[in-house]
Protein backbone atom coordinates (compact mmCIF):
# COMPACT_ATOMS: atom_id res chain seq x y z
CA MET A 1 24.48 39.85 15.89
CA PRO A 2 24.92 36.05 15.97
CA LYS A 3 22.65 34.31 12.97
CA SER A 4 19.50 32.66 13.75
CA LYS A 5 18.89 29.07 13.64
CA ARG A 6 15.77 29.62 12.10
CA ASP A 7 17.40 31.12 9.27
CA LYS A 8 18.39 27.83 7.02
CA LYS A 9 18.18 26.86 4.15
CA ILE A 10 15.25 23.83 3.24
CA SER A 11 16.07 20.80 1.40
CA LEU A 12 13.23 18.85 -0.27
CA THR A 13 13.94 16.67 -2.71
CA LYS A 14 12.24 14.46 -5.22
CA THR A 15 9.24 16.92 -5.03
CA ASP A 16 7.43 18.55 -8.50
CA LYS A 17 6.83 22.12 -8.35
CA LYS A 18 3.47 22.04 -6.57
CA GLY A 19 4.27 19.67 -3.92
CA LEU A 20 7.29 21.66 -3.15
CA ALA A 21 5.66 24.80 -2.55
CA LEU A 22 3.16 23.07 -0.40
CA LYS A 23 6.11 21.30 1.74
CA GLN A 24 7.71 24.51 1.82
CA LYS A 25 5.20 26.30 3.43
CA ILE A 26 4.42 23.30 5.90
CA VAL A 27 8.26 23.43 7.15
CA GLU A 28 8.01 27.83 7.55
CA ASP A 29 4.49 27.63 9.17
CA VAL A 30 6.21 24.89 11.46
CA ARG A 31 9.14 27.18 12.19
CA ASN A 32 6.99 30.25 13.03
CA CYS A 33 4.95 28.69 15.56
CA VAL A 34 8.34 27.55 17.28
CA GLU A 35 9.16 31.36 17.15
CA LYS A 36 5.96 32.66 18.41
CA TYR A 37 4.59 29.85 20.71
CA LYS A 38 6.58 29.24 24.38
CA SER A 39 6.21 25.06 23.91
CA VAL A 40 5.51 22.36 21.72
CA TYR A 41 4.08 19.08 22.63
CA LEU A 42 4.09 15.71 20.43
CA PHE A 43 1.29 13.48 20.94
CA THR A 44 -0.26 10.69 19.52
CA PHE A 45 -3.75 9.51 19.28
CA ALA A 46 -6.54 7.12 19.38
CA ASN A 47 -9.75 6.29 17.47
CA MET A 48 -9.22 9.74 15.72
CA ARG A 49 -12.51 11.55 15.18
CA ASN A 50 -12.37 14.68 12.91
CA GLU A 51 -15.08 16.24 13.80
CA LYS A 52 -14.30 16.31 17.60
CA MET A 53 -10.67 17.58 16.65
CA LYS A 54 -12.25 20.52 15.55
CA GLU A 55 -13.86 20.97 18.77
CA VAL A 56 -10.25 20.49 20.43
CA ARG A 57 -8.85 23.11 18.37
CA GLU A 58 -11.32 25.41 18.79
CA GLU A 59 -11.38 24.73 22.59
CA TRP A 60 -7.85 25.32 22.60
CA LYS A 61 -7.40 28.46 20.82
CA PRO A 62 -4.85 30.60 20.35
CA SER A 63 -2.53 27.68 20.30
CA ARG A 64 -2.42 25.54 17.47
CA PHE A 65 -2.35 21.91 16.68
CA PHE A 66 -0.33 20.94 13.57
CA PHE A 67 -1.01 17.34 11.58
CA GLY A 68 1.01 16.27 8.40
CA LYS A 69 3.80 14.03 7.01
CA ASN A 70 6.37 13.37 10.22
CA LYS A 71 9.27 14.09 7.51
CA VAL A 72 8.11 17.25 6.32
CA ILE A 73 7.09 18.74 10.05
CA ALA A 74 10.48 17.01 11.14
CA ILE A 75 12.47 19.39 8.78
CA GLY A 76 10.83 21.99 10.23
CA LEU A 77 11.75 21.32 13.93
CA GLY A 78 14.98 20.14 12.85
CA LYS A 79 16.23 16.80 12.21
CA SER A 80 19.48 17.18 14.17
CA LYS A 81 21.60 19.20 15.97
CA GLU A 82 23.61 20.59 13.17
CA ASP A 83 19.87 22.14 11.25
CA GLU A 84 17.31 22.63 14.35
CA VAL A 85 15.79 25.81 14.53
CA GLU A 86 16.45 25.83 18.74
CA ASP A 87 18.11 24.07 21.34
CA ASP A 88 17.56 20.44 21.70
CA LEU A 89 14.83 20.44 19.26
CA HIS A 90 15.64 18.07 17.01
CA LYS A 91 15.21 15.57 19.63
CA LEU A 92 11.28 15.98 19.81
CA SER A 93 11.42 15.18 15.81
CA HIS A 94 13.36 11.94 16.19
CA CYS A 95 10.07 11.49 18.39
CA MET A 96 7.56 11.76 15.31
CA LYS A 97 6.93 8.05 14.40
CA GLY A 98 3.39 6.62 13.32
CA GLN A 99 0.66 8.48 13.76
CA CYS A 100 0.90 11.77 15.95
CA GLY A 101 0.77 15.81 15.62
CA LEU A 102 1.69 18.66 17.28
CA LEU A 103 0.60 21.00 19.78
CA PHE A 104 1.98 24.56 19.94
CA THR A 105 1.30 26.40 22.85
CA ASP A 106 1.85 29.22 25.30
CA SER A 107 -0.55 27.02 28.53
CA THR A 108 1.86 25.70 31.31
CA LYS A 109 2.95 22.38 31.23
CA ASP A 110 0.37 21.37 34.28
CA GLU A 111 -3.05 22.82 32.27
CA VAL A 112 -1.81 20.71 29.22
CA THR A 113 -0.92 17.65 31.17
CA GLU A 114 -4.00 17.70 32.89
CA TRP A 115 -6.27 18.42 30.04
CA PHE A 116 -4.69 15.68 27.99
CA ASP A 117 -5.03 13.24 31.02
CA ASN A 118 -8.67 13.87 31.31
CA TYR A 119 -9.84 14.66 28.00
CA ALA A 120 -11.72 11.14 26.30
CA VAL A 121 -14.53 10.67 24.10
CA GLU A 122 -16.44 7.58 23.39
CA ASP A 123 -17.93 6.73 20.28
CA PHE A 124 -19.21 4.20 17.92
CA ALA A 125 -16.39 1.73 16.47
CA ARG A 126 -15.49 1.29 12.89
CA SER A 127 -14.62 -1.52 10.76
CA GLY A 128 -11.37 -2.63 11.68
CA PHE A 129 -11.66 -1.99 15.40
CA LYS A 130 -10.54 -4.44 17.19
CA ALA A 131 -13.66 -5.46 19.94
CA THR A 132 -12.94 -5.06 23.66
CA ASN A 133 -16.02 -6.94 25.08
CA THR A 134 -18.09 -9.57 23.44
CA ILE A 135 -21.69 -8.64 22.90
CA VAL A 136 -24.47 -11.16 22.53
CA LEU A 137 -28.16 -10.46 22.31
CA LYS A 138 -30.46 -13.23 23.46
CA GLU A 139 -33.66 -14.78 21.55
CA GLY A 140 -36.73 -12.63 21.92
CA PRO A 141 -38.49 -9.05 21.12
CA LEU A 142 -35.77 -5.93 19.81
CA LYS A 143 -38.76 -3.44 21.20
CA GLN A 144 -36.35 -0.64 20.38
CA PHE A 145 -36.46 -1.20 16.64
CA SER A 146 -39.73 -0.13 14.55
CA HIS A 147 -40.82 -2.75 11.89
CA SER A 148 -39.46 -1.13 8.69
CA ILE A 149 -35.82 -1.51 9.67
CA GLU A 150 -36.10 -5.40 9.97
CA PRO A 151 -35.05 -6.24 6.64
CA TYR A 152 -31.80 -4.15 6.84
CA LEU A 153 -31.48 -6.08 9.93
CA ARG A 154 -31.46 -9.32 8.21
CA GLN A 155 -29.30 -7.86 5.35
CA LEU A 156 -26.75 -6.86 8.02
CA GLY A 157 -27.24 -10.25 9.48
CA MET A 158 -29.01 -10.40 12.11
CA PRO A 159 -31.50 -13.62 12.64
CA THR A 160 -34.49 -11.43 12.93
CA LYS A 161 -38.45 -11.87 11.71
CA LEU A 162 -41.35 -9.37 12.60
CA ASP A 163 -43.70 -11.09 15.34
CA ARG A 164 -47.21 -9.07 15.64
CA GLY A 165 -45.25 -6.20 14.38
CA VAL A 166 -42.17 -6.46 16.58
CA VAL A 167 -38.75 -7.04 15.30
CA THR A 168 -37.66 -10.20 17.25
CA LEU A 169 -34.43 -12.54 17.06
CA ILE A 170 -35.03 -15.99 16.62
CA LYS A 171 -32.00 -17.33 18.33
CA ASP A 172 -29.32 -15.99 20.26
CA PHE A 173 -27.04 -13.97 17.99
CA GLU A 174 -23.24 -12.71 18.75
CA VAL A 175 -22.94 -9.32 17.49
CA CYS A 176 -19.10 -9.60 18.30
CA LYS A 177 -16.13 -10.95 20.57
CA ASP A 178 -13.84 -9.45 22.41
CA GLY A 179 -10.53 -8.99 20.63
CA SER A 180 -12.01 -10.14 17.00
CA ILE A 181 -11.97 -7.43 14.12
CA LEU A 182 -15.10 -5.85 13.30
CA THR A 183 -16.39 -6.32 9.81
CA PRO A 184 -18.37 -2.83 8.20
CA GLU A 185 -21.86 -4.83 9.16
CA GLN A 186 -20.57 -5.24 12.97
CA ALA A 187 -19.70 -1.95 13.40
CA LYS A 188 -23.04 -0.54 11.97
CA ILE A 189 -24.88 -3.10 14.00
CA LEU A 190 -23.07 -2.06 17.23
CA GLU A 191 -23.92 1.59 16.29
CA LEU A 192 -27.67 0.82 15.59
CA LEU A 193 -27.61 -0.85 19.21
CA GLU A 194 -25.90 2.77 20.69
CA TYR A 195 -22.69 0.53 21.96
CA ARG A 196 -19.91 3.01 21.90
CA LEU A 197 -16.90 1.04 22.22
CA ALA A 198 -14.00 3.37 20.75
CA THR A 199 -12.46 6.02 22.94
CA PHE A 200 -11.36 8.82 21.33
CA LYS A 201 -7.82 10.09 22.85
CA LEU A 202 -5.15 11.91 22.86
CA ILE A 203 -1.59 10.73 24.46
CA LEU A 204 1.16 12.93 25.21
CA LYS A 205 4.41 12.05 24.14
CA ALA A 206 7.22 14.67 24.55
CA ARG A 207 7.51 18.27 24.91
CA TRP A 208 9.91 21.06 23.90
CA SER A 209 10.04 24.30 26.18
CA LYS A 210 11.94 27.30 25.52
CA GLY A 211 14.51 27.52 27.95
CA GLU A 212 14.23 23.78 29.18
CA GLY A 213 14.56 21.89 26.02
CA PHE A 214 13.24 18.81 25.48
CA GLU A 215 11.63 16.03 27.70
CA LYS A 216 10.04 13.19 27.26
CA LEU A 217 6.40 12.37 28.70
CA SER A 218 5.49 8.70 28.10
CA SER A 219 6.61 5.72 26.15
CA ALA A 220 3.24 5.87 23.71
CA GLU A 221 5.10 3.73 21.16
CA ASP A 222 5.06 1.23 23.57
CA GLU A 223 1.55 1.32 24.65
CA GLU A 224 -1.00 -0.50 23.04
CA MET A 225 -3.73 1.96 21.26
CA GLU A 226 -6.54 -0.01 19.70
CA THR A 227 -7.06 2.82 16.93
CA ASP A 228 -10.26 2.30 13.76
CA ASP A 229 -10.24 3.71 10.46
CA GLU A 230 -10.73 7.11 9.62
């Protein structure tokens, strides 16, 4: 019987004993997934939201999402033709750059691509996000706020006062400008105003499938994606 490509020694250098055990487990988990599932998809993401990602994981069961250090996961897949665990799988590891993840699944290509193309969740932008709109509030009452929050709005930098118990802007106020990087104060103001500027989205980059091999799905590394800090 020919020797399985999966039966290879794992070389993980410059790692302490505890860290080595963890990395070896990750490599083994990746290889187990390659053996178990028909396909693996590489994706990048914009504006990651952990709570939303938990929902995605549940929706895609029994498929499995995998996140971790690219270099360690790449060892599990194989970084070259000589150490890959399946033919052409090293090509997928070469695409693992920046923030990305893997989806191991038995779903068809059409099912996967359609879901990824349609999935997007709007959410509040965080500090460090590049604003996609200019938002200006006009002078006058802000009736959506209770009087008790007025001191906090001033603390955030808004020119407000109480006018007969109503929170009121004493002059026009620019919350953010298109293309500017949001400060913590600006992000909080936008949340209080219920402006959702960020979109959590997963972008397919490449796939590998048993019997079909490697396929590039997009040039996601060349796309401009606005992300905010997790």
